[in-house]
């Protein structure tokens, strides 16, 4: 709806989505920082690290894709009921500029929420001396599912 922010069905959606991402070992390994969360929105920042580079100062495509996927999936997570999780079914990424800079910022957003499948998207920006350059854009499908009680 235009002009109206969607209401998440889980009142603890911020902490749930953050926990979902940071419980994944790859998120901690890569050094993700969660920098913004809102209904249907999720932002992750990835500082530059040499082991993630194509060559000095330029991120390799793999980490860019991982960041895009995670931001998109987590944006979808913000709108799921308590006790639900999500898993990426597929995603398509388009690299549009070199990912050159001191960090990457991925901004995920929910495009369309469904009961079992949702469509999400993300844009990844390379940040160099405070200037952001769009370096990738992704479209993803996530599978929503109820997590069985442990």
N, C-alpha and C. Protein backbone atom coordinates (compact mmCIF):
# COMPACT_ATOMS: atom_id res chain seq x y z
N UNK A 1 0.84 -1.19 0.00
CA UNK A 1 0.00 0.00 0.00
C UNK A 1 0.88 1.24 0.00
N UNK A 2 0.53 2.19 -0.81
CA UNK A 2 1.29 3.42 -0.89
C UNK A 2 1.04 4.24 0.36
N UNK A 3 2.14 4.74 0.95
CA UNK A 3 2.02 5.59 2.11
C UNK A 3 1.76 4.88 3.42
N UNK A 4 1.71 3.56 3.40
CA UNK A 4 1.44 2.83 4.63
C UNK A 4 2.48 1.72 4.81
N UNK A 5 3.17 1.77 5.92
CA UNK A 5 4.18 0.76 6.21
C UNK A 5 3.50 -0.53 6.66
N UNK A 6 3.92 -1.67 6.12
CA UNK A 6 3.30 -2.94 6.53
C UNK A 6 3.59 -3.23 8.00
N UNK A 7 2.69 -3.96 8.62
CA UNK A 7 2.85 -4.30 10.03
C UNK A 7 3.33 -5.75 10.15
N UNK A 8 4.53 -5.96 10.71
CA UNK A 8 5.03 -7.33 10.86
C UNK A 8 4.15 -8.14 11.81
N UNK A 9 3.86 -9.41 11.46
CA UNK A 9 3.05 -10.25 12.34
C UNK A 9 3.78 -10.67 13.62
N UNK A 10 5.10 -10.59 13.61
CA UNK A 10 5.90 -10.91 14.80
C UNK A 10 6.38 -9.60 15.42
N UNK A 11 5.90 -9.26 16.62
CA UNK A 11 6.33 -7.99 17.23
C UNK A 11 7.83 -7.94 17.53
N UNK A 12 8.47 -9.09 17.60
CA UNK A 12 9.92 -9.16 17.84
C UNK A 12 10.69 -9.39 16.54
N UNK A 13 10.14 -8.90 15.42
CA UNK A 13 10.74 -9.18 14.11
C UNK A 13 12.19 -8.70 13.99
N UNK A 14 12.54 -7.58 14.62
CA UNK A 14 13.91 -7.06 14.50
C UNK A 14 14.90 -8.05 15.09
N UNK A 15 14.66 -8.46 16.33
CA UNK A 15 15.58 -9.41 16.98
C UNK A 15 15.54 -10.78 16.32
N UNK A 16 14.37 -11.20 15.87
CA UNK A 16 14.25 -12.50 15.19
C UNK A 16 15.08 -12.51 13.91
N UNK A 17 14.96 -11.47 13.09
CA UNK A 17 15.70 -11.42 11.82
C UNK A 17 17.20 -11.29 12.07
N UNK A 18 17.59 -10.50 13.05
CA UNK A 18 19.02 -10.36 13.39
C UNK A 18 19.59 -11.71 13.84
N UNK A 19 18.87 -12.37 14.73
CA UNK A 19 19.32 -13.68 15.24
C UNK A 19 19.41 -14.70 14.11
N UNK A 20 18.42 -14.70 13.21
CA UNK A 20 18.40 -15.60 12.06
C UNK A 20 19.70 -15.46 11.26
N UNK A 21 20.10 -14.23 10.99
CA UNK A 21 21.32 -14.01 10.21
C UNK A 21 22.57 -14.38 11.00
N UNK A 22 22.67 -13.89 12.21
CA UNK A 22 23.92 -14.03 12.95
C UNK A 22 24.13 -15.42 13.54
N UNK A 23 23.11 -16.27 13.55
CA UNK A 23 23.31 -17.65 13.97
C UNK A 23 23.96 -18.50 12.87
N UNK A 24 24.00 -17.96 11.67
CA UNK A 24 24.67 -18.68 10.57
C UNK A 24 26.18 -18.46 10.69
N UNK A 25 26.94 -19.53 10.76
CA UNK A 25 28.40 -19.37 10.90
C UNK A 25 29.03 -18.51 9.80
N UNK A 26 28.51 -18.58 8.58
CA UNK A 26 29.10 -17.79 7.50
C UNK A 26 28.97 -16.30 7.77
N UNK A 27 27.90 -15.86 8.41
CA UNK A 27 27.72 -14.44 8.72
C UNK A 27 28.79 -13.95 9.68
N UNK A 28 29.06 -14.75 10.68
CA UNK A 28 30.11 -14.37 11.65
C UNK A 28 31.49 -14.46 11.00
N UNK A 29 31.70 -15.49 10.18
CA UNK A 29 32.98 -15.68 9.52
C UNK A 29 33.31 -14.50 8.59
N UNK A 30 32.31 -14.05 7.84
CA UNK A 30 32.56 -12.96 6.91
C UNK A 30 32.63 -11.60 7.60
N UNK A 31 32.08 -11.52 8.80
CA UNK A 31 32.16 -10.27 9.55
C UNK A 31 31.03 -9.29 9.26
N UNK A 32 29.84 -9.82 8.96
CA UNK A 32 28.69 -8.96 8.70
C UNK A 32 28.36 -8.08 9.90
N UNK A 33 27.90 -6.88 9.62
CA UNK A 33 27.32 -6.01 10.63
C UNK A 33 25.91 -5.66 10.16
N UNK A 34 24.94 -5.81 11.03
CA UNK A 34 23.56 -5.44 10.70
C UNK A 34 23.43 -3.95 11.00
N UNK A 35 23.11 -3.16 9.97
CA UNK A 35 23.13 -1.71 10.14
C UNK A 35 21.75 -1.06 10.07
N UNK A 36 20.71 -1.81 9.66
CA UNK A 36 19.35 -1.26 9.70
C UNK A 36 18.35 -2.39 9.49
N UNK A 37 17.23 -2.31 10.20
CA UNK A 37 16.15 -3.29 10.05
C UNK A 37 14.82 -2.54 10.17
N UNK A 38 13.91 -2.85 9.28
CA UNK A 38 12.56 -2.29 9.34
C UNK A 38 11.60 -3.30 8.75
N UNK A 39 10.30 -3.04 8.79
CA UNK A 39 9.34 -3.97 8.20
C UNK A 39 9.62 -4.14 6.71
N UNK A 40 9.99 -5.35 6.31
CA UNK A 40 10.29 -5.63 4.91
C UNK A 40 11.61 -5.09 4.43
N UNK A 41 12.47 -4.65 5.35
CA UNK A 41 13.77 -4.06 5.00
C UNK A 41 14.87 -4.65 5.88
N UNK A 42 16.05 -4.83 5.29
CA UNK A 42 17.18 -5.35 6.07
C UNK A 42 18.47 -4.89 5.42
N UNK A 43 19.35 -4.28 6.21
CA UNK A 43 20.62 -3.77 5.69
C UNK A 43 21.79 -4.42 6.40
N UNK A 44 22.76 -4.88 5.60
CA UNK A 44 23.97 -5.52 6.11
C UNK A 44 25.18 -4.79 5.55
N UNK A 45 26.19 -4.58 6.39
CA UNK A 45 27.45 -3.99 5.95
C UNK A 45 28.56 -5.02 6.08
N UNK A 46 29.41 -5.07 5.06
CA UNK A 46 30.55 -5.99 5.02
C UNK A 46 31.83 -5.16 4.84
N UNK A 47 32.69 -5.12 5.87
CA UNK A 47 33.96 -4.41 5.70
C UNK A 47 34.88 -5.14 4.71
N UNK A 48 35.72 -4.39 4.03
CA UNK A 48 36.67 -5.01 3.10
C UNK A 48 37.67 -5.86 3.89
N UNK A 49 37.94 -7.02 3.34
CA UNK A 49 38.98 -7.92 3.87
C UNK A 49 39.70 -8.51 2.67
N UNK A 50 41.00 -8.60 2.77
CA UNK A 50 41.81 -9.07 1.66
C UNK A 50 41.37 -10.45 1.15
N UNK A 51 40.99 -11.34 2.06
CA UNK A 51 40.61 -12.69 1.64
C UNK A 51 39.28 -12.72 0.87
N UNK A 52 38.57 -11.61 0.80
CA UNK A 52 37.33 -11.52 0.03
C UNK A 52 37.54 -10.78 -1.29
N UNK A 53 38.81 -10.52 -1.63
CA UNK A 53 39.08 -9.65 -2.76
C UNK A 53 39.39 -10.40 -4.05
N UNK A 54 39.10 -9.70 -5.13
CA UNK A 54 39.47 -10.12 -6.47
C UNK A 54 40.91 -9.68 -6.72
N UNK A 55 41.19 -8.45 -6.35
CA UNK A 55 42.52 -7.89 -6.31
C UNK A 55 42.46 -6.75 -5.30
N UNK A 56 43.58 -6.16 -4.92
CA UNK A 56 43.55 -5.16 -3.85
C UNK A 56 42.47 -4.09 -4.04
N UNK A 57 41.62 -3.97 -3.01
CA UNK A 57 40.59 -2.94 -3.00
C UNK A 57 39.30 -3.29 -3.71
N UNK A 58 39.21 -4.48 -4.33
CA UNK A 58 38.01 -4.86 -5.06
C UNK A 58 37.49 -6.19 -4.54
N UNK A 59 36.24 -6.19 -4.07
CA UNK A 59 35.60 -7.43 -3.60
C UNK A 59 35.40 -8.39 -4.76
N UNK A 60 35.56 -9.66 -4.51
CA UNK A 60 35.29 -10.73 -5.48
C UNK A 60 33.76 -10.89 -5.58
N UNK A 61 33.27 -11.44 -6.67
CA UNK A 61 31.83 -11.56 -6.91
C UNK A 61 31.13 -12.45 -5.89
N UNK A 62 31.80 -13.52 -5.40
CA UNK A 62 31.17 -14.44 -4.45
C UNK A 62 30.67 -13.76 -3.19
N UNK A 63 31.50 -12.98 -2.50
CA UNK A 63 31.02 -12.28 -1.31
C UNK A 63 29.92 -11.26 -1.62
N UNK A 64 29.99 -10.64 -2.79
CA UNK A 64 28.93 -9.69 -3.18
C UNK A 64 27.60 -10.44 -3.30
N UNK A 65 27.61 -11.60 -3.95
CA UNK A 65 26.40 -12.40 -4.10
C UNK A 65 25.86 -12.91 -2.78
N UNK A 66 26.77 -13.35 -1.92
CA UNK A 66 26.35 -13.84 -0.60
C UNK A 66 25.66 -12.72 0.18
N UNK A 67 26.25 -11.55 0.17
CA UNK A 67 25.68 -10.41 0.89
C UNK A 67 24.30 -10.04 0.32
N UNK A 68 24.18 -10.03 -1.00
CA UNK A 68 22.89 -9.71 -1.64
C UNK A 68 21.83 -10.72 -1.25
N UNK A 69 22.19 -12.01 -1.29
CA UNK A 69 21.26 -13.08 -0.92
C UNK A 69 20.80 -12.94 0.52
N UNK A 70 21.73 -12.74 1.42
CA UNK A 70 21.40 -12.66 2.85
C UNK A 70 20.52 -11.45 3.16
N UNK A 71 20.82 -10.30 2.57
CA UNK A 71 20.02 -9.10 2.83
C UNK A 71 18.60 -9.28 2.31
N UNK A 72 18.47 -9.88 1.13
CA UNK A 72 17.14 -10.11 0.56
C UNK A 72 16.33 -11.09 1.42
N UNK A 73 16.95 -12.22 1.79
CA UNK A 73 16.24 -13.22 2.60
C UNK A 73 15.83 -12.66 3.96
N UNK A 74 16.71 -11.90 4.57
CA UNK A 74 16.40 -11.33 5.89
C UNK A 74 15.30 -10.27 5.80
N UNK A 75 15.22 -9.55 4.69
CA UNK A 75 14.12 -8.61 4.50
C UNK A 75 12.80 -9.36 4.52
N UNK A 76 12.77 -10.52 3.88
CA UNK A 76 11.57 -11.35 3.91
C UNK A 76 11.26 -11.88 5.30
N UNK A 77 12.31 -12.22 6.04
CA UNK A 77 12.15 -12.73 7.41
C UNK A 77 11.42 -11.74 8.32
N UNK A 78 11.60 -10.45 8.07
CA UNK A 78 10.99 -9.46 8.96
C UNK A 78 9.47 -9.51 8.93
N UNK A 79 8.90 -10.12 7.90
CA UNK A 79 7.44 -10.13 7.77
C UNK A 79 6.83 -11.50 8.01
N UNK A 80 7.60 -12.41 8.59
CA UNK A 80 7.08 -13.75 8.89
C UNK A 80 6.54 -13.82 10.32
N UNK A 81 5.58 -14.70 10.55
CA UNK A 81 5.06 -14.87 11.91
C UNK A 81 6.13 -15.44 12.85
N UNK A 82 5.92 -15.25 14.12
CA UNK A 82 6.80 -15.84 15.13
C UNK A 82 6.87 -17.36 14.91
N UNK A 83 8.07 -17.91 15.02
CA UNK A 83 8.24 -19.35 14.85
C UNK A 83 8.45 -19.80 13.41
N UNK A 84 8.57 -18.85 12.49
CA UNK A 84 8.80 -19.17 11.08
C UNK A 84 10.22 -18.75 10.69
N UNK A 85 10.74 -19.38 9.66
CA UNK A 85 12.05 -19.05 9.11
C UNK A 85 11.96 -19.08 7.58
N UNK A 86 13.07 -18.80 6.94
CA UNK A 86 13.09 -18.76 5.47
C UNK A 86 14.38 -19.36 4.95
N UNK A 87 14.30 -19.83 3.72
CA UNK A 87 15.47 -20.38 3.05
C UNK A 87 15.41 -19.94 1.59
N UNK A 88 16.54 -19.55 1.04
CA UNK A 88 16.57 -19.11 -0.35
C UNK A 88 16.29 -20.28 -1.27
N UNK A 89 15.36 -20.09 -2.19
CA UNK A 89 15.06 -21.07 -3.23
C UNK A 89 15.94 -20.78 -4.44
N UNK A 90 15.98 -19.52 -4.83
CA UNK A 90 16.88 -19.10 -5.91
C UNK A 90 17.11 -17.60 -5.82
N UNK A 91 18.19 -17.18 -6.47
CA UNK A 91 18.40 -15.75 -6.62
C UNK A 91 19.21 -15.50 -7.88
N UNK A 92 18.97 -14.35 -8.46
CA UNK A 92 19.69 -13.91 -9.64
C UNK A 92 20.37 -12.60 -9.29
N UNK A 93 21.64 -12.53 -9.61
CA UNK A 93 22.37 -11.30 -9.31
C UNK A 93 22.96 -10.74 -10.59
N UNK A 94 22.92 -9.45 -10.69
CA UNK A 94 23.54 -8.74 -11.81
C UNK A 94 24.60 -7.82 -11.22
N UNK A 95 25.84 -8.04 -11.64
CA UNK A 95 26.95 -7.19 -11.21
C UNK A 95 27.01 -6.04 -12.20
N UNK A 96 26.87 -4.81 -11.71
CA UNK A 96 26.76 -3.66 -12.60
C UNK A 96 27.95 -2.71 -12.55
N UNK A 97 28.83 -2.90 -11.57
CA UNK A 97 30.03 -2.07 -11.45
C UNK A 97 31.01 -2.80 -10.53
N UNK A 98 32.30 -2.46 -10.61
CA UNK A 98 33.25 -3.08 -9.69
C UNK A 98 32.88 -2.78 -8.24
N UNK A 99 33.03 -3.78 -7.39
CA UNK A 99 32.75 -3.63 -5.96
C UNK A 99 34.02 -3.14 -5.28
N UNK A 100 34.33 -1.89 -5.51
CA UNK A 100 35.59 -1.30 -5.08
C UNK A 100 35.35 -0.32 -3.93
N UNK A 101 36.03 -0.57 -2.80
CA UNK A 101 35.88 0.35 -1.68
C UNK A 101 36.24 -0.29 -0.36
N UNK A 102 36.01 0.45 0.71
CA UNK A 102 36.37 -0.04 2.04
C UNK A 102 35.29 -0.90 2.67
N UNK A 103 34.08 -0.87 2.07
CA UNK A 103 33.01 -1.74 2.57
C UNK A 103 31.91 -1.86 1.52
N UNK A 104 31.06 -2.86 1.74
CA UNK A 104 29.85 -3.04 0.95
C UNK A 104 28.65 -2.84 1.86
N UNK A 105 27.58 -2.29 1.31
CA UNK A 105 26.32 -2.16 2.03
C UNK A 105 25.25 -2.79 1.15
N UNK A 106 24.56 -3.79 1.69
CA UNK A 106 23.46 -4.46 0.98
C UNK A 106 22.15 -4.07 1.64
N UNK A 107 21.23 -3.60 0.82
CA UNK A 107 19.91 -3.19 1.32
C UNK A 107 18.86 -4.10 0.70
N UNK A 108 18.32 -4.98 1.55
CA UNK A 108 17.30 -5.92 1.11
C UNK A 108 15.91 -5.36 1.32
N UNK A 109 14.98 -5.80 0.47
CA UNK A 109 13.59 -5.37 0.61
C UNK A 109 12.64 -6.48 0.17
N UNK A 110 11.52 -6.53 0.81
CA UNK A 110 10.47 -7.49 0.46
C UNK A 110 9.69 -6.92 -0.72
N UNK A 111 9.55 -7.72 -1.77
CA UNK A 111 8.78 -7.30 -2.94
C UNK A 111 7.33 -7.79 -2.82
N UNK A 112 7.19 -9.07 -2.48
CA UNK A 112 5.85 -9.66 -2.34
C UNK A 112 5.91 -10.80 -1.35
N UNK A 113 5.07 -10.76 -0.35
CA UNK A 113 5.05 -11.79 0.68
C UNK A 113 3.94 -12.78 0.41
N UNK A 114 4.27 -14.07 0.50
CA UNK A 114 3.27 -15.12 0.37
C UNK A 114 3.38 -16.07 1.55
N UNK A 115 2.46 -17.01 1.64
CA UNK A 115 2.49 -17.95 2.76
C UNK A 115 3.71 -18.86 2.70
N UNK A 116 3.98 -19.47 1.55
CA UNK A 116 5.11 -20.40 1.46
C UNK A 116 6.27 -19.85 0.63
N UNK A 117 6.01 -18.93 -0.27
CA UNK A 117 7.07 -18.31 -1.07
C UNK A 117 6.93 -16.80 -1.02
N UNK A 118 8.06 -16.13 -0.94
CA UNK A 118 8.08 -14.67 -1.00
C UNK A 118 9.14 -14.25 -2.00
N UNK A 119 8.93 -13.11 -2.62
CA UNK A 119 9.89 -12.53 -3.54
C UNK A 119 10.54 -11.34 -2.84
N UNK A 120 11.86 -11.32 -2.88
CA UNK A 120 12.64 -10.27 -2.24
C UNK A 120 13.67 -9.74 -3.23
N UNK A 121 14.30 -8.65 -2.88
CA UNK A 121 15.33 -8.06 -3.74
C UNK A 121 16.36 -7.38 -2.86
N UNK A 122 17.50 -7.09 -3.44
CA UNK A 122 18.51 -6.31 -2.72
C UNK A 122 19.39 -5.57 -3.71
N UNK A 123 19.93 -4.47 -3.24
CA UNK A 123 20.93 -3.71 -3.98
C UNK A 123 22.18 -3.66 -3.11
N UNK A 124 23.33 -3.84 -3.75
CA UNK A 124 24.60 -3.81 -3.03
C UNK A 124 25.40 -2.61 -3.53
N UNK A 125 25.88 -1.84 -2.57
CA UNK A 125 26.64 -0.63 -2.88
C UNK A 125 28.07 -0.79 -2.37
N UNK A 126 29.03 -0.38 -3.19
CA UNK A 126 30.42 -0.29 -2.75
C UNK A 126 30.60 1.12 -2.20
N UNK A 127 31.20 1.22 -1.02
CA UNK A 127 31.40 2.52 -0.39
C UNK A 127 32.89 2.83 -0.41
N UNK A 128 33.21 3.95 -1.06
CA UNK A 128 34.60 4.40 -1.17
C UNK A 128 34.66 5.86 -0.72
N UNK A 129 35.32 6.09 0.37
CA UNK A 129 35.46 7.44 0.95
C UNK A 129 34.10 8.12 1.11
N UNK A 130 33.12 7.34 1.57
CA UNK A 130 31.80 7.87 1.86
C UNK A 130 30.84 7.91 0.68
N UNK A 131 31.33 7.71 -0.52
CA UNK A 131 30.47 7.72 -1.71
C UNK A 131 30.01 6.30 -2.01
N UNK A 132 28.71 6.13 -2.25
CA UNK A 132 28.15 4.83 -2.58
C UNK A 132 27.98 4.67 -4.09
N UNK A 133 28.40 3.50 -4.60
CA UNK A 133 28.21 3.17 -6.01
C UNK A 133 27.48 1.83 -6.08
N UNK A 134 26.35 1.80 -6.78
CA UNK A 134 25.63 0.55 -6.96
C UNK A 134 26.54 -0.41 -7.72
N UNK A 135 26.81 -1.58 -7.13
CA UNK A 135 27.67 -2.55 -7.80
C UNK A 135 26.93 -3.83 -8.14
N UNK A 136 25.77 -4.09 -7.53
CA UNK A 136 25.03 -5.31 -7.83
C UNK A 136 23.57 -5.13 -7.42
N UNK A 137 22.71 -5.85 -8.13
CA UNK A 137 21.30 -5.90 -7.77
C UNK A 137 20.83 -7.35 -7.90
N UNK A 138 19.97 -7.77 -7.00
CA UNK A 138 19.54 -9.17 -6.98
C UNK A 138 18.04 -9.27 -6.77
N UNK A 139 17.49 -10.35 -7.30
CA UNK A 139 16.09 -10.71 -7.10
C UNK A 139 16.09 -12.14 -6.56
N UNK A 140 15.36 -12.38 -5.49
CA UNK A 140 15.40 -13.70 -4.84
C UNK A 140 13.99 -14.21 -4.54
N UNK A 141 13.88 -15.53 -4.49
CA UNK A 141 12.68 -16.20 -4.02
C UNK A 141 13.08 -16.93 -2.75
N UNK A 142 12.29 -16.74 -1.69
CA UNK A 142 12.56 -17.44 -0.44
C UNK A 142 11.37 -18.32 -0.09
N UNK A 143 11.70 -19.46 0.50
CA UNK A 143 10.68 -20.41 0.98
C UNK A 143 10.45 -20.13 2.45
N UNK A 144 9.23 -19.89 2.82
CA UNK A 144 8.86 -19.64 4.22
C UNK A 144 8.36 -20.95 4.83
N UNK A 145 8.80 -21.22 6.04
CA UNK A 145 8.36 -22.46 6.68
C UNK A 145 8.32 -22.29 8.20
N UNK A 146 7.40 -23.02 8.80
CA UNK A 146 7.28 -23.03 10.25
C UNK A 146 8.38 -23.93 10.82
N UNK A 147 9.07 -23.42 11.82
CA UNK A 147 10.15 -24.18 12.46
C UNK A 147 9.54 -25.11 13.50
N UNK A 148 9.79 -26.42 13.38
CA UNK A 148 9.24 -27.34 14.38
C UNK A 148 9.85 -27.07 15.76
N UNK A 149 9.04 -27.26 16.78
CA UNK A 149 9.56 -27.09 18.15
C UNK A 149 10.69 -28.08 18.39
N UNK A 150 11.74 -27.58 19.01
CA UNK A 150 12.90 -28.44 19.29
C UNK A 150 12.74 -29.21 20.56
